[in-house]
Amino acid sequence: MSDDPDLPPDSPPPVPPLDPIPEPDPDPRAGRAAFDRRMLEALVCPQTQGPLSYDAERQELVSRAANLAFPIRGGIPVMLADEARTLD
């Protein structure tokens, strides 16, 4: 039973609102959202299924096996071959 006089008797108690999903912490060096390096452990190259390395300066995930660099935008890796840059 609720103690709130605005609710009918026998109504369930109100559900508290959910906390908002926090935004990624900004990267003060580049003015961009920071990439969570722990995510690197779970990600693989979409073409070779091989490991990726993180290039913080260029904000990219690099696949040496595929010769591609995948951009990170707003802290989120874009793992699409069409969006990737071919390595020099």
PDB file of N, CA and C in Angstrom:
ATOM      1  N   MET A   1       0.849  -1.176   0.000  1.00  0.00           N
ATOM      2  CA  MET A   1       0.000   0.000   0.000  1.00  0.00           C
ATOM      3  C   MET A   1       0.888   1.230   0.000  1.00  0.00           C
ATOM      4  N   SER A   2       0.512   2.221  -0.757  1.00  0.00           N
ATOM      5  CA  SER A   2       1.300   3.436  -0.892  1.00  0.00           C
ATOM      6  C   SER A   2       0.881   4.488   0.131  1.00  0.00           C
ATOM      7  N   ASP A   3       1.856   5.272   0.620  1.00  0.00           N
ATOM      8  CA  ASP A   3       1.565   6.370   1.539  1.00  0.00           C
ATOM      9  C   ASP A   3       1.300   7.674   0.805  1.00  0.00           C
ATOM     10  N   ASP A   4       1.395   7.658  -0.508  1.00  0.00           N
ATOM     11  CA  ASP A   4       1.200   8.865  -1.304  1.00  0.00           C
ATOM     12  C   ASP A   4      -0.296   9.134  -1.438  1.00  0.00           C
ATOM     13  N   PRO A   5      -0.767  10.301  -0.990  1.00  0.00           N
ATOM     14  CA  PRO A   5      -2.209  10.580  -1.061  1.00  0.00           C
ATOM     15  C   PRO A   5      -2.713  10.758  -2.490  1.00  0.00           C
ATOM     16  N   ASP A   6      -1.813  10.994  -3.472  1.00  0.00           N
ATOM     17  CA  ASP A   6      -2.243  11.191  -4.858  1.00  0.00           C
ATOM     18  C   ASP A   6      -2.492   9.873  -5.582  1.00  0.00           C
ATOM     19  N   LEU A   7      -2.040   8.756  -5.005  1.00  0.00           N
ATOM     20  CA  LEU A   7      -2.216   7.458  -5.645  1.00  0.00           C
ATOM     21  C   LEU A   7      -3.425   6.766  -5.049  1.00  0.00           C
ATOM     22  N   PRO A   8      -4.139   5.991  -5.870  1.00  0.00           N
ATOM     23  CA  PRO A   8      -5.255   5.227  -5.321  1.00  0.00           C
ATOM     24  C   PRO A   8      -4.719   4.205  -4.301  1.00  0.00           C
ATOM     25  N   PRO A   9      -5.533   3.854  -3.291  1.00  0.00           N
ATOM     26  CA  PRO A   9      -5.055   2.862  -2.310  1.00  0.00           C
ATOM     27  C   PRO A   9      -4.747   1.551  -3.018  1.00  0.00           C
ATOM     28  N   ASP A  10      -4.020   0.666  -2.678  1.00  0.00           N
ATOM     29  CA  ASP A  10      -3.702  -0.628  -3.306  1.00  0.00           C
ATOM     30  C   ASP A  10      -2.920  -0.506  -4.611  1.00  0.00           C
ATOM     31  N   SER A  11      -2.458   0.683  -5.000  1.00  0.00           N
ATOM     32  CA  SER A  11      -1.637   0.765  -6.207  1.00  0.00           C
ATOM     33  C   SER A  11      -0.186   0.467  -5.822  1.00  0.00           C
ATOM     34  N   PRO A  12       0.578  -0.112  -6.757  1.00  0.00           N
ATOM     35  CA  PRO A  12       1.978  -0.425  -6.435  1.00  0.00           C
ATOM     36  C   PRO A  12       2.769   0.863  -6.218  1.00  0.00           C
ATOM     37  N   PRO A  13       3.850   0.790  -5.484  1.00  0.00           N
ATOM     38  CA  PRO A  13       4.651   1.996  -5.261  1.00  0.00           C
ATOM     39  C   PRO A  13       5.246   2.488  -6.575  1.00  0.00           C
ATOM     40  N   PRO A  14       5.486   3.786  -6.708  1.00  0.00           N
ATOM     41  CA  PRO A  14       6.062   4.299  -7.949  1.00  0.00           C
ATOM     42  C   PRO A  14       7.481   3.785  -8.140  1.00  0.00           C
ATOM     43  N   VAL A  15       7.847   3.607  -9.400  1.00  0.00           N
ATOM     44  CA  VAL A  15       9.193   3.141  -9.750  1.00  0.00           C
ATOM     45  C   VAL A  15      10.090   4.368  -9.872  1.00  0.00           C
ATOM     46  N   PRO A  16      11.245   4.361  -9.187  1.00  0.00           N
ATOM     47  CA  PRO A  16      12.140   5.518  -9.312  1.00  0.00           C
ATOM     48  C   PRO A  16      12.699   5.611 -10.727  1.00  0.00           C
ATOM     49  N   PRO A  17      13.007   6.811 -11.205  1.00  0.00           N
ATOM     50  CA  PRO A  17      13.556   6.950 -12.557  1.00  0.00           C
ATOM     51  C   PRO A  17      14.946   6.327 -12.638  1.00  0.00           C
ATOM     52  N   LEU A  18      15.276   5.849 -13.825  1.00  0.00           N
ATOM     53  CA  LEU A  18      16.599   5.275 -14.065  1.00  0.00           C
ATOM     54  C   LEU A  18      17.630   6.385 -14.192  1.00  0.00           C
ATOM     55  N   ASP A  19      18.848   6.081 -13.782  1.00  0.00           N
ATOM     56  CA  ASP A  19      19.941   7.035 -13.970  1.00  0.00           C
ATOM     57  C   ASP A  19      20.245   7.117 -15.456  1.00  0.00           C
ATOM     58  N   PRO A  20      20.545   8.301 -15.970  1.00  0.00           N
ATOM     59  CA  PRO A  20      20.886   8.406 -17.384  1.00  0.00           C
ATOM     60  C   PRO A  20      22.213   7.707 -17.670  1.00  0.00           C
ATOM     61  N   ILE A  21      22.367   7.240 -18.900  1.00  0.00           N
ATOM     62  CA  ILE A  21      23.625   6.614 -19.315  1.00  0.00           C
ATOM     63  C   ILE A  21      24.676   7.707 -19.406  1.00  0.00           C
ATOM     64  N   PRO A  22      25.796   7.533 -18.714  1.00  0.00           N
ATOM     65  CA  PRO A  22      26.806   8.586 -18.737  1.00  0.00           C
ATOM     66  C   PRO A  22      27.477   8.696 -20.109  1.00  0.00           C
ATOM     67  N   GLU A  23      27.813   9.901 -20.484  1.00  0.00           N
ATOM     68  CA  GLU A  23      28.555  10.139 -21.717  1.00  0.00           C
ATOM     69  C   GLU A  23      30.013   9.754 -21.489  1.00  0.00           C
ATOM     70  N   PRO A  24      30.743   9.349 -22.557  1.00  0.00           N
ATOM     71  CA  PRO A  24      32.164   9.070 -22.376  1.00  0.00           C
ATOM     72  C   PRO A  24      32.892  10.337 -21.929  1.00  0.00           C
ATOM     73  N   ASP A  25      33.924  10.140 -21.121  1.00  0.00           N
ATOM     74  CA  ASP A  25      34.724  11.282 -20.698  1.00  0.00           C
ATOM     75  C   ASP A  25      35.429  11.873 -21.906  1.00  0.00           C
ATOM     76  N   PRO A  26      35.445  13.191 -22.031  1.00  0.00           N
ATOM     77  CA  PRO A  26      36.128  13.786 -23.171  1.00  0.00           C
ATOM     78  C   PRO A  26      37.634  13.602 -23.066  1.00  0.00           C
ATOM     79  N   ASP A  27      38.272  13.513 -24.193  1.00  0.00           N
ATOM     80  CA  ASP A  27      39.726  13.414 -24.260  1.00  0.00           C
ATOM     81  C   ASP A  27      40.266  14.837 -24.303  1.00  0.00           C
ATOM     82  N   PRO A  28      40.870  15.320 -23.222  1.00  0.00           N
ATOM     83  CA  PRO A  28      41.301  16.723 -23.195  1.00  0.00           C
ATOM     84  C   PRO A  28      42.380  17.040 -24.217  1.00  0.00           C
ATOM     85  N   ARG A  29      43.107  16.036 -24.679  1.00  0.00           N
ATOM     86  CA  ARG A  29      44.180  16.293 -25.645  1.00  0.00           C
ATOM     87  C   ARG A  29      43.637  16.634 -27.021  1.00  0.00           C
ATOM     88  N   ALA A  30      42.515  16.058 -27.384  1.00  0.00           N
ATOM     89  CA  ALA A  30      42.033  16.235 -28.752  1.00  0.00           C
ATOM     90  C   ALA A  30      40.642  16.831 -28.830  1.00  0.00           C
ATOM     91  N   GLY A  31      39.997  17.046 -27.710  1.00  0.00           N
ATOM     92  CA  GLY A  31      38.645  17.572 -27.735  1.00  0.00           C
ATOM     93  C   GLY A  31      37.646  16.562 -28.262  1.00  0.00           C
ATOM     94  N   ARG A  32      37.971  15.272 -28.184  1.00  0.00           N
ATOM     95  CA  ARG A  32      37.091  14.211 -28.668  1.00  0.00           C
ATOM     96  C   ARG A  32      36.731  13.301 -27.508  1.00  0.00           C
ATOM     97  N   ALA A  33      35.694  12.515 -27.675  1.00  0.00           N
ATOM     98  CA  ALA A  33      35.342  11.544 -26.643  1.00  0.00           C
ATOM     99  C   ALA A  33      36.438  10.489 -26.584  1.00  0.00           C
ATOM    100  N   ALA A  34      36.803  10.083 -25.390  1.00  0.00           N
ATOM    101  CA  ALA A  34      37.877   9.120 -25.205  1.00  0.00           C
ATOM    102  C   ALA A  34      37.414   7.717 -25.590  1.00  0.00           C
ATOM    103  N   PHE A  35      38.314   6.944 -26.165  1.00  0.00           N
ATOM    104  CA  PHE A  35      38.064   5.553 -26.514  1.00  0.00           C
ATOM    105  C   PHE A  35      38.385   4.694 -25.299  1.00  0.00           C
ATOM    106  N   ASP A  36      37.491   3.796 -24.952  1.00  0.00           N
ATOM    107  CA  ASP A  36      37.704   2.894 -23.823  1.00  0.00           C
ATOM    108  C   ASP A  36      38.634   1.773 -24.287  1.00  0.00           C
ATOM    109  N   ARG A  37      39.859   1.792 -23.805  1.00  0.00           N
ATOM    110  CA  ARG A  37      40.857   0.807 -24.254  1.00  0.00           C
ATOM    111  C   ARG A  37      40.477  -0.624 -23.891  1.00  0.00           C
ATOM    112  N   ARG A  38      39.621  -0.807 -22.879  1.00  0.00           N
ATOM    113  CA  ARG A  38      39.183  -2.170 -22.532  1.00  0.00           C
ATOM    114  C   ARG A  38      38.369  -2.776 -23.666  1.00  0.00           C
ATOM    115  N   MET A  39      37.748  -1.913 -24.477  1.00  0.00           N
ATOM    116  CA  MET A  39      36.963  -2.397 -25.616  1.00  0.00           C
ATOM    117  C   MET A  39      37.866  -3.102 -26.625  1.00  0.00           C
ATOM    118  N   LEU A  40      39.124  -2.692 -26.689  1.00  0.00           N
ATOM    119  CA  LEU A  40      40.075  -3.268 -27.641  1.00  0.00           C
ATOM    120  C   LEU A  40      40.233  -4.772 -27.420  1.00  0.00           C
ATOM    121  N   GLU A  41      40.088  -5.222 -26.189  1.00  0.00           N
ATOM    122  CA  GLU A  41      40.214  -6.650 -25.893  1.00  0.00           C
ATOM    123  C   GLU A  41      39.100  -7.460 -26.538  1.00  0.00           C
ATOM    124  N   ALA A  42      37.946  -6.845 -26.755  1.00  0.00           N
ATOM    125  CA  ALA A  42      36.797  -7.566 -27.300  1.00  0.00           C
ATOM    126  C   ALA A  42      36.672  -7.428 -28.815  1.00  0.00           C
ATOM    127  N   LEU A  43      37.330  -6.437 -29.400  1.00  0.00           N
ATOM    128  CA  LEU A  43      37.186  -6.184 -30.839  1.00  0.00           C
ATOM    129  C   LEU A  43      38.257  -6.901 -31.651  1.00  0.00           C
ATOM    130  N   VAL A  44      37.869  -7.331 -32.840  1.00  0.00           N
ATOM    131  CA  VAL A  44      38.803  -7.906 -33.808  1.00  0.00           C
ATOM    132  C   VAL A  44      38.533  -7.267 -35.160  1.00  0.00           C
ATOM    133  N   CYS A  45      39.465  -7.417 -36.064  1.00  0.00           N
ATOM    134  CA  CYS A  45      39.290  -6.896 -37.419  1.00  0.00           C
ATOM    135  C   CYS A  45      38.111  -7.616 -38.078  1.00  0.00           C
ATOM    136  N   PRO A  46      37.182  -6.874 -38.671  1.00  0.00           N
ATOM    137  CA  PRO A  46      36.024  -7.525 -39.304  1.00  0.00           C
ATOM    138  C   PRO A  46      36.387  -8.330 -40.553  1.00  0.00           C
ATOM    139  N   GLN A  47      37.555  -8.068 -41.140  1.00  0.00           N
ATOM    140  CA  GLN A  47      37.941  -8.811 -42.343  1.00  0.00           C
ATOM    141  C   GLN A  47      38.783 -10.044 -42.028  1.00  0.00           C
ATOM    142  N   THR A  48      39.742  -9.899 -41.117  1.00  0.00           N
ATOM    143  CA  THR A  48      40.665 -11.008 -40.844  1.00  0.00           C
ATOM    144  C   THR A  48      40.390 -11.727 -39.529  1.00  0.00           C
ATOM    145  N   GLN A  49      39.538 -11.133 -38.683  1.00  0.00           N
ATOM    146  CA  GLN A  49      39.289 -11.637 -37.331  1.00  0.00           C
ATOM    147  C   GLN A  49      40.554 -11.599 -36.477  1.00  0.00           C
ATOM    148  N   GLY A  50      41.546 -10.840 -36.933  1.00  0.00           N
ATOM    149  CA  GLY A  50      42.806 -10.708 -36.209  1.00  0.00           C
ATOM    150  C   GLY A  50      42.789  -9.551 -35.228  1.00  0.00           C
ATOM    151  N   PRO A  51      43.893  -9.390 -34.483  1.00  0.00           N
ATOM    152  CA  PRO A  51      43.970  -8.346 -33.465  1.00  0.00           C
ATOM    153  C   PRO A  51      44.061  -6.943 -34.061  1.00  0.00           C
ATOM    154  N   LEU A  52      43.671  -5.975 -33.242  1.00  0.00           N
ATOM    155  CA  LEU A  52      43.741  -4.565 -33.615  1.00  0.00           C
ATOM    156  C   LEU A  52      44.655  -3.847 -32.638  1.00  0.00           C
ATOM    157  N   SER A  53      45.299  -2.784 -33.105  1.00  0.00           N
ATOM    158  CA  SER A  53      46.072  -1.929 -32.208  1.00  0.00           C
ATOM    159  C   SER A  53      45.438  -0.544 -32.233  1.00  0.00           C
ATOM    160  N   TYR A  54      45.624   0.188 -31.137  1.00  0.00           N
ATOM    161  CA  TYR A  54      45.001   1.498 -30.980  1.00  0.00           C
ATOM    162  C   TYR A  54      46.013   2.588 -31.287  1.00  0.00           C
ATOM    163  N   ASP A  55      45.682   3.463 -32.231  1.00  0.00           N
ATOM    164  CA  ASP A  55      46.497   4.631 -32.546  1.00  0.00           C
ATOM    165  C   ASP A  55      45.781   5.842 -31.954  1.00  0.00           C
ATOM    166  N   ALA A  56      46.233   6.283 -30.772  1.00  0.00           N
ATOM    167  CA  ALA A  56      45.574   7.378 -30.049  1.00  0.00           C
ATOM    168  C   ALA A  56      45.698   8.695 -30.794  1.00  0.00           C
ATOM    169  N   GLU A  57      46.817   8.919 -31.442  1.00  0.00           N
ATOM    170  CA  GLU A  57      47.031  10.190 -32.151  1.00  0.00           C
ATOM    171  C   GLU A  57      46.051  10.369 -33.298  1.00  0.00           C
ATOM    172  N   ARG A  58      45.828   9.310 -34.057  1.00  0.00           N
ATOM    173  CA  ARG A  58      44.912   9.383 -35.205  1.00  0.00           C
ATOM    174  C   ARG A  58      43.495   8.958 -34.867  1.00  0.00           C
ATOM    175  N   GLN A  59      43.283   8.476 -33.630  1.00  0.00           N
ATOM    176  CA  GLN A  59      41.971   7.969 -33.212  1.00  0.00           C
ATOM    177  C   GLN A  59      41.489   6.893 -34.186  1.00  0.00           C
ATOM    178  N   GLU A  60      42.290   5.823 -34.284  1.00  0.00           N
ATOM    179  CA  GLU A  60      41.977   4.718 -35.178  1.00  0.00           C
ATOM    180  C   GLU A  60      42.326   3.392 -34.508  1.00  0.00           C
ATOM    181  N   LEU A  61      41.650   2.342 -34.960  1.00  0.00           N
ATOM    182  CA  LEU A  61      42.028   0.976 -34.634  1.00  0.00           C
ATOM    183  C   LEU A  61      42.667   0.392 -35.884  1.00  0.00           C
ATOM    184  N   VAL A  62      43.865  -0.129 -35.729  1.00  0.00           N
ATOM    185  CA  VAL A  62      44.663  -0.551 -36.882  1.00  0.00           C
ATOM    186  C   VAL A  62      44.732  -2.069 -36.965  1.00  0.00           C
ATOM    187  N   SER A  63      44.446  -2.579 -38.170  1.00  0.00           N
ATOM    188  CA  SER A  63      44.608  -4.000 -38.470  1.00  0.00           C
ATOM    189  C   SER A  63      45.766  -4.124 -39.449  1.00  0.00           C
ATOM    190  N   ARG A  64      46.904  -4.579 -38.953  1.00  0.00           N
ATOM    191  CA  ARG A  64      48.077  -4.761 -39.831  1.00  0.00           C
ATOM    192  C   ARG A  64      47.809  -5.864 -40.853  1.00  0.00           C
ATOM    193  N   ALA A  65      47.109  -6.924 -40.448  1.00  0.00           N
ATOM    194  CA  ALA A  65      46.838  -8.047 -41.345  1.00  0.00           C
ATOM    195  C   ALA A  65      45.990  -7.625 -42.540  1.00  0.00           C
ATOM    196  N   ALA A  66      45.021  -6.736 -42.320  1.00  0.00           N
ATOM    197  CA  ALA A  66      44.148  -6.284 -43.406  1.00  0.00           C
ATOM    198  C   ALA A  66      44.677  -5.016 -44.062  1.00  0.00           C
ATOM    199  N   ASN A  67      45.707  -4.410 -43.465  1.00  0.00           N
ATOM    200  CA  ASN A  67      46.278  -3.158 -43.968  1.00  0.00           C
ATOM    201  C   ASN A  67      45.236  -2.034 -43.959  1.00  0.00           C
ATOM    202  N   LEU A  68      44.423  -2.011 -42.862  1.00  0.00           N
ATOM    203  CA  LEU A  68      43.356  -1.026 -42.726  1.00  0.00           C
ATOM    204  C   LEU A  68      43.401  -0.357 -41.361  1.00  0.00           C
ATOM    205  N   ALA A  69      42.917   0.884 -41.314  1.00  0.00           N
ATOM    206  CA  ALA A  69      42.762   1.617 -40.064  1.00  0.00           C
ATOM    207  C   ALA A  69      41.300   2.055 -39.969  1.00  0.00           C
ATOM    208  N   PHE A  70      40.632   1.628 -38.900  1.00  0.00           N
ATOM    209  CA  PHE A  70      39.220   1.918 -38.688  1.00  0.00           C
ATOM    210  C   PHE A  70      39.094   3.154 -37.799  1.00  0.00           C
ATOM    211  N   PRO A  71      38.313   4.149 -38.213  1.00  0.00           N
ATOM    212  CA  PRO A  71      38.209   5.393 -37.426  1.00  0.00           C
ATOM    213  C   PRO A  71      37.424   5.197 -36.133  1.00  0.00           C
ATOM    214  N   ILE A  72      37.737   6.041 -35.159  1.00  0.00           N
ATOM    215  CA  ILE A  72      36.977   6.104 -33.916  1.00  0.00           C
ATOM    216  C   ILE A  72      36.325   7.475 -33.899  1.00  0.00           C
ATOM    217  N   ARG A  73      35.013   7.502 -33.881  1.00  0.00           N
ATOM    218  CA  ARG A  73      34.266   8.769 -33.903  1.00  0.00           C
ATOM    219  C   ARG A  73      33.424   8.882 -32.644  1.00  0.00           C
ATOM    220  N   GLY A  74      33.645   9.944 -31.892  1.00  0.00           N
ATOM    221  CA  GLY A  74      32.897  10.149 -30.660  1.00  0.00           C
ATOM    222  C   GLY A  74      33.111   9.036 -29.654  1.00  0.00           C
ATOM    223  N   GLY A  75      34.300   8.416 -29.685  1.00  0.00           N
ATOM    224  CA  GLY A  75      34.611   7.332 -28.771  1.00  0.00           C
ATOM    225  C   GLY A  75      34.105   5.979 -29.223  1.00  0.00           C
ATOM    226  N   ILE A  76      33.487   5.910 -30.405  1.00  0.00           N
ATOM    227  CA  ILE A  76      32.909   4.658 -30.911  1.00  0.00           C
ATOM    228  C   ILE A  76      33.659   4.221 -32.167  1.00  0.00           C
ATOM    229  N   PRO A  77      34.228   3.002 -32.160  1.00  0.00           N
ATOM    230  CA  PRO A  77      34.915   2.509 -33.354  1.00  0.00           C
ATOM    231  C   PRO A  77      33.926   2.231 -34.481  1.00  0.00           C
ATOM    232  N   VAL A  78      34.281   2.656 -35.674  1.00  0.00           N
ATOM    233  CA  VAL A  78      33.468   2.390 -36.871  1.00  0.00           C
ATOM    234  C   VAL A  78      34.136   1.222 -37.587  1.00  0.00           C
ATOM    235  N   MET A  79      33.583   0.038 -37.399  1.00  0.00           N
ATOM    236  CA  MET A  79      34.217  -1.185 -37.885  1.00  0.00           C
ATOM    237  C   MET A  79      33.661  -1.611 -39.250  1.00  0.00           C
ATOM    238  N   LEU A  80      33.606  -0.677 -40.165  1.00  0.00           N
ATOM    239  CA  LEU A  80      33.123  -0.942 -41.524  1.00  0.00           C
ATOM    240  C   LEU A  80      34.279  -0.768 -42.496  1.00  0.00           C
ATOM    241  N   ALA A  81      34.481  -1.750 -43.370  1.00  0.00           N
ATOM    242  CA  ALA A  81      35.576  -1.684 -44.337  1.00  0.00           C
ATOM    243  C   ALA A  81      35.438  -0.459 -45.240  1.00  0.00           C
ATOM    244  N   ASP A  82      34.209  -0.076 -45.563  1.00  0.00           N
ATOM    245  CA  ASP A  82      33.987   1.102 -46.423  1.00  0.00           C
ATOM    246  C   ASP A  82      34.447   2.402 -45.752  1.00  0.00           C
ATOM    247  N   GLU A  83      34.480   2.424 -44.437  1.00  0.00           N
ATOM    248  CA  GLU A  83      34.889   3.613 -43.684  1.00  0.00           C
ATOM    249  C   GLU A  83      36.371   3.594 -43.323  1.00  0.00           C
ATOM    250  N   ALA A  84      37.021   2.451 -43.523  1.00  0.00           N
ATOM    251  CA  ALA A  84      38.424   2.290 -43.128  1.00  0.00           C
ATOM    252  C   ALA A  84      39.362   2.983 -44.106  1.00  0.00           C
ATOM    253  N   ARG A  85      40.513   3.362 -43.563  1.00  0.00           N
ATOM    254  CA  ARG A  85      41.582   3.970 -44.359  1.00  0.00           C
ATOM    255  C   ARG A  85      42.624   2.896 -44.652  1.00  0.00           C
ATOM    256  N   THR A  86      43.089   2.846 -45.894  1.00  0.00           N
ATOM    257  CA  THR A  86      44.152   1.914 -46.252  1.00  0.00           C
ATOM    258  C   THR A  86      45.474   2.454 -45.714  1.00  0.00           C
ATOM    259  N   LEU A  87      46.240   1.578 -45.078  1.00  0.00           N
ATOM    260  CA  LEU A  87      47.530   1.994 -44.518  1.00  0.00           C
ATOM    261  C   LEU A  87      48.541   2.232 -45.634  1.00  0.00           C
ATOM    262  N   ASP A  88      49.416   3.163 -45.374  1.00  0.00           N
ATOM    263  CA  ASP A  88      50.465   3.492 -46.367  1.00  0.00           C
ATOM    264  C   ASP A  88      51.564   2.455 -46.357  1.00  0.00           C
TER     265      ASP A  88
END
